[in-house]
Protein backbone atom coordinates (compact mmCIF):
# COMPACT_ATOMS: atom_id res chain seq x y z
CA PHE A 1 -4.91 10.64 -0.74
CA GLY A 2 -3.80 7.29 -2.35
CA VAL A 3 -3.62 6.37 -6.31
CA ALA A 4 -3.41 3.37 -8.39
CA ILE A 5 -3.30 2.53 -12.29
CA ASN A 6 -4.72 -0.23 -14.33
CA PRO A 7 -2.34 -2.97 -15.75
CA ALA A 8 -3.11 -1.67 -18.74
CA GLY A 9 -1.94 1.57 -18.20
CA THR A 10 -5.34 3.84 -19.50
CA PHE A 11 -6.66 5.15 -16.16
CA ALA A 12 -5.80 6.07 -12.75
CA TYR A 13 -7.92 6.30 -9.71
CA VAL A 14 -7.18 8.66 -7.39
CA VAL A 15 -8.76 8.48 -3.31
CA ASN A 16 -10.40 11.72 -1.90
CA ASN A 17 -10.31 11.69 1.43
CA PHE A 18 -12.16 14.45 2.45
CA SER A 19 -15.01 13.77 0.07
CA GLY A 20 -15.33 10.17 0.53
CA THR A 21 -14.92 9.57 -3.23
CA VAL A 22 -12.65 7.94 -5.81
CA SER A 23 -11.75 10.11 -8.96
CA LYS A 24 -11.01 8.25 -12.16
CA ILE A 25 -8.53 9.77 -14.68
CA ASP A 26 -8.22 8.89 -18.47
CA LEU A 27 -4.35 8.88 -18.76
CA ALA A 28 -4.94 9.58 -22.70
CA SER A 29 -6.63 13.09 -22.15
CA ASP A 30 -5.75 13.56 -18.61
CA THR A 31 -9.34 13.98 -17.07
CA VAL A 32 -11.55 12.88 -14.80
CA VAL A 33 -14.01 10.95 -16.59
CA ALA A 34 -15.68 9.34 -13.56
CA THR A 35 -16.39 9.99 -9.51
CA ILE A 36 -17.01 6.85 -7.56
CA THR A 37 -18.78 7.52 -4.21
CA VAL A 38 -17.08 4.93 -1.16
CA GLY A 39 -16.75 5.33 2.59
CA ARG A 40 -15.74 7.70 4.92
CA SER A 41 -12.19 8.86 5.27
CA PRO A 42 -10.78 6.65 2.23
CA LYS A 43 -6.71 6.16 2.33
CA SER A 44 -5.42 3.99 -0.14
CA VAL A 45 -6.42 2.07 -3.08
CA ALA A 46 -5.32 -1.38 -4.81
CA ILE A 47 -6.17 -2.81 -8.22
CA ASN A 48 -6.36 -6.67 -9.14
CA PRO A 49 -3.97 -7.68 -11.42
CA ALA A 50 -6.40 -8.72 -14.21
CA GLY A 51 -7.55 -4.87 -13.78
CA THR A 52 -11.14 -5.64 -13.18
CA PHE A 53 -11.69 -4.47 -9.43
CA ALA A 54 -10.24 -1.90 -6.97
CA TYR A 55 -10.31 -1.82 -3.52
CA VAL A 56 -10.32 0.90 -1.28
CA THR A 57 -9.62 1.17 2.68
CA ASN A 58 -12.43 3.20 4.33
CA LEU A 59 -10.44 4.44 7.31
CA SER A 60 -13.57 5.75 9.32
CA ARG A 61 -15.88 2.95 8.87
CA GLY A 62 -13.59 0.09 9.35
CA THR A 63 -14.53 -1.30 5.51
CA VAL A 64 -13.25 -1.87 2.06
CA SER A 65 -15.00 -0.96 -1.09
CA LYS A 66 -15.11 -3.20 -4.01
CA ILE A 67 -15.36 -1.10 -7.26
CA ASP A 68 -16.03 -2.77 -10.41
CA LEU A 69 -13.99 -1.17 -13.04
CA ALA A 70 -16.37 -1.37 -15.86
CA SER A 71 -19.12 0.37 -14.39
CA ASP A 72 -17.58 2.41 -11.93
CA THR A 73 -19.80 1.15 -9.15
CA VAL A 74 -18.95 -0.59 -5.77
CA VAL A 75 -20.24 -3.56 -5.93
CA ALA A 76 -19.36 -5.02 -2.22
CA THR A 77 -18.44 -3.49 0.98
CA ILE A 78 -16.51 -5.94 3.19
CA SER A 79 -15.74 -5.10 6.67
CA VAL A 80 -11.99 -5.76 8.07
CA GLY A 81 -10.07 -3.95 11.17
CA SER A 82 -10.41 -0.65 12.92
CA VAL A 83 -8.98 1.89 10.93
CA PRO A 84 -7.88 0.24 7.73
CA TRP A 85 -4.96 2.33 5.98
CA GLY A 86 -3.12 0.41 3.55
CA VAL A 87 -3.68 -2.36 0.75
CA ALA A 88 -1.84 -4.84 -1.37
CA ILE A 89 -3.51 -7.75 -3.63
CA ASN A 90 -0.71 -10.78 -4.41
CA PRO A 91 0.34 -11.18 -7.72
CA ALA A 92 -2.03 -14.24 -8.30
CA GLY A 93 -4.96 -11.79 -7.57
CA THR A 94 -6.49 -14.24 -4.83
CA PHE A 95 -6.01 -12.43 -1.59
CA ALA A 96 -5.83 -9.07 -0.63
CA TYR A 97 -4.09 -7.83 2.59
CA PHE A 98 -5.63 -4.75 4.48
CA THR A 99 -3.70 -3.12 7.32
CA ASN A 100 -5.50 -2.18 10.25
CA ASN A 101 -3.82 1.05 11.97
CA GLU A 102 -5.83 0.83 15.21
CA SER A 103 -6.55 -2.84 15.52
CA ASN A 104 -2.81 -3.79 15.20
CA THR A 105 -3.89 -6.33 12.71
CA VAL A 106 -3.88 -7.32 8.94
CA SER A 107 -6.92 -8.75 7.16
CA LYS A 108 -6.62 -11.02 4.36
CA ILE A 109 -9.55 -11.27 2.14
CA ASN A 110 -10.47 -14.17 -0.42
CA LEU A 111 -11.14 -11.72 -3.80
CA ALA A 112 -12.55 -14.76 -5.24
CA THR A 113 -15.59 -14.46 -2.11
CA ASP A 114 -14.99 -11.18 -1.04
CA THR A 115 -15.27 -12.74 2.81
CA PHE A 116 -12.49 -12.63 5.73
CA VAL A 117 -10.32 -15.56 6.01
CA ALA A 118 -7.55 -14.59 8.57
CA THR A 119 -6.35 -12.08 11.05
CA ILE A 120 -2.80 -11.36 10.96
CA THR A 121 -1.05 -10.36 14.50
CA GLY A 122 2.27 -8.94 15.40
CA VAL A 123 2.03 -5.31 13.57
CA ARG A 124 1.92 -2.32 15.71
CA GLY A 125 0.25 0.94 14.22
CA ALA A 126 0.29 -0.66 10.54
CA THR A 127 0.02 1.73 7.79
CA ALA A 128 1.33 0.34 4.41
CA VAL A 129 1.94 -3.04 3.03
CA ALA A 130 3.90 -4.29 0.09
CA ILE A 131 4.07 -7.85 -1.42
CA ASN A 132 6.93 -9.17 -3.33
CA PRO A 133 6.94 -10.17 -7.05
CA ALA A 134 6.79 -13.91 -5.90
CA GLY A 135 3.69 -13.46 -3.49
CA THR A 136 5.43 -15.24 -0.81
CA PHE A 137 6.28 -12.36 1.64
CA ALA A 138 4.41 -9.02 2.59
CA TYR A 139 5.92 -5.96 4.47
CA VAL A 140 4.58 -3.92 6.51
CA THR A 141 5.50 -0.71 7.84
CA ASN A 142 4.60 -0.12 11.89
CA TYR A 143 4.22 3.56 12.65
CA GLU A 144 4.31 3.23 16.17
CA SER A 145 7.45 1.01 16.58
CA ASN A 146 9.45 2.16 14.29
CA SER A 147 10.02 -0.95 12.32
CA VAL A 148 8.95 -3.46 9.41
CA SER A 149 6.86 -6.54 9.88
CA LYS A 150 7.80 -9.65 7.27
CA ILE A 151 4.89 -11.65 6.80
CA ASP A 152 5.18 -15.18 5.31
CA LEU A 153 2.00 -15.45 3.19
CA ALA A 154 1.71 -19.48 3.26
CA SER A 155 1.47 -19.35 7.22
CA ASP A 156 -0.24 -15.74 7.78
CA THR A 157 2.84 -15.32 10.46
CA VAL A 158 4.94 -12.61 11.17
CA VAL A 159 8.03 -14.13 10.87
CA ALA A 160 10.72 -11.06 11.11
CA THR A 161 10.69 -7.83 12.73
CA ILE A 162 13.25 -5.09 11.07
CA THR A 163 14.20 -1.77 12.55
CA VAL A 164 14.14 1.45 10.40
CA GLY A 165 13.95 4.89 11.25
CA TRP A 166 11.17 7.06 12.95
CA GLU A 167 7.86 6.73 11.95
CA PRO A 168 7.88 4.44 8.92
CA PHE A 169 5.14 4.72 6.42
CA GLY A 170 5.60 3.79 2.78
CA VAL A 171 7.09 0.77 1.83
CA ALA A 172 8.05 -0.11 -1.95
CA ILE A 173 9.36 -3.39 -3.62
CA ASN A 174 11.84 -3.31 -6.63
CA PRO A 175 10.61 -5.14 -9.73
CA ALA A 176 13.51 -8.23 -8.86
CA GLY A 177 12.29 -8.75 -5.20
CA THR A 178 15.52 -8.36 -3.77
CA PHE A 179 15.18 -4.63 -1.64
CA ALA A 180 12.68 -2.79 -0.10
CA TYR A 181 12.34 1.03 0.34
CA VAL A 182 10.88 2.26 3.69
CA THR A 183 10.18 6.13 3.77
CA ASN A 184 10.84 7.52 7.20
CA PHE A 185 8.37 10.13 8.14
CA ALA A 186 9.93 11.58 11.28
CA SER A 187 13.64 10.54 10.34
CA ASN A 188 13.68 12.27 6.67
CA THR A 189 15.04 9.30 5.47
CA VAL A 190 14.60 5.98 3.60
CA SER A 191 15.53 2.86 4.65
CA LYS A 192 16.79 0.12 2.01
CA ILE A 193 15.99 -3.50 2.97
CA ASP A 194 18.20 -6.25 1.71
CA LEU A 195 15.08 -8.96 1.63
CA ALA A 196 17.52 -11.88 1.60
CA SER A 197 18.97 -10.72 5.07
CA ASP A 198 15.86 -8.54 6.57
CA THR A 199 18.39 -5.72 7.27
CA VAL A 200 18.93 -2.67 6.44
CA VAL A 201 21.65 -1.67 4.34
CA ALA A 202 21.42 1.36 3.16
CA THR A 203 19.96 5.03 4.69
CA ILE A 204 19.16 7.81 2.16
CA ALA A 205 18.22 11.03 2.80
CA ALA A 206 14.91 12.59 1.70
CA GLY A 207 13.26 15.83 2.01
CA THR A 208 10.98 16.63 5.03
CA ASN A 209 8.45 13.96 6.28
CA PRO A 210 8.59 11.61 3.43
CA TYR A 211 5.42 9.57 2.97
CA GLY A 212 4.72 7.43 -0.04
CA VAL A 213 7.27 5.80 -2.12
CA ALA A 214 7.09 4.39 -5.71
CA ILE A 215 9.81 2.41 -7.92
CA ASN A 216 9.75 2.78 -11.99
CA SER A 217 9.58 -0.65 -13.74
CA ALA A 218 12.59 -0.67 -14.93
CA GLY A 219 13.97 -0.74 -10.84
CA THR A 220 16.17 1.78 -11.16
CA PHE A 221 14.75 5.31 -9.26
CA ALA A 222 12.32 5.40 -6.55
CA TYR A 223 10.39 8.79 -6.25
CA VAL A 224 9.33 9.72 -2.60
CA ALA A 225 6.63 12.03 -1.74
CA ASN A 226 7.69 14.48 0.97
CA ASN A 227 4.68 15.94 2.87
CA SER A 228 6.05 18.74 4.43
CA SER A 229 8.89 20.16 2.07
CA THR A 230 5.86 19.38 -0.93
CA THR A 231 8.82 18.13 -3.09
CA VAL A 232 9.20 14.36 -4.42
CA SER A 233 12.89 13.26 -4.18
CA LYS A 234 14.04 11.18 -6.88
CA ILE A 235 16.48 8.52 -5.31
CA ASN A 236 19.06 6.21 -8.15
CA LEU A 237 18.51 2.68 -7.29
CA ALA A 238 21.50 1.63 -8.98
């Protein structure tokens, strides 16, 4: 379901929804070198900037599994809201934010203590979450309300709601922190949001039922996974 690559670029971690596991792939040999058991129906994974721990959302358990990447073992299980889906870690590596799809909340976790420190409301049917490079704002896709919530991470409050296409799922922010790109599952489009004005400035055609989105490190191209057309759309961001 989800995938994340460690900061060193040596390993990828893939979430296996049906088996409740995470596969660790050695990117030098493209082989699975470890299988880590987590909770039921895991969905998303994020790795801290230090590359020491991964955090996996367990949809059916309302928990997050913390994986020690040195030993490939789960070292903590953290309770969050109902149906946790997306996860993002701030650039400082101090806090993680988990979207709770059924609770209509975002859980903020202190990564130094693995404790729950805040519940952020004002989202609806939250799925994915992305944090800007400055670490000042998070952007959450609201599948049920066709919108994106902008969260001020200093106050842990929603400060803007941006209307996008139907059933937004994925979100990615370019390295410059100037634009966000949101996949609209039912509209077969991608919304480009100007993060200075919090407005949609372009709507880009994608494949059928676009789901995940990622941007290359140069910020020149976005890649969109199209769920029903079994394709990937490459978008020129220039």
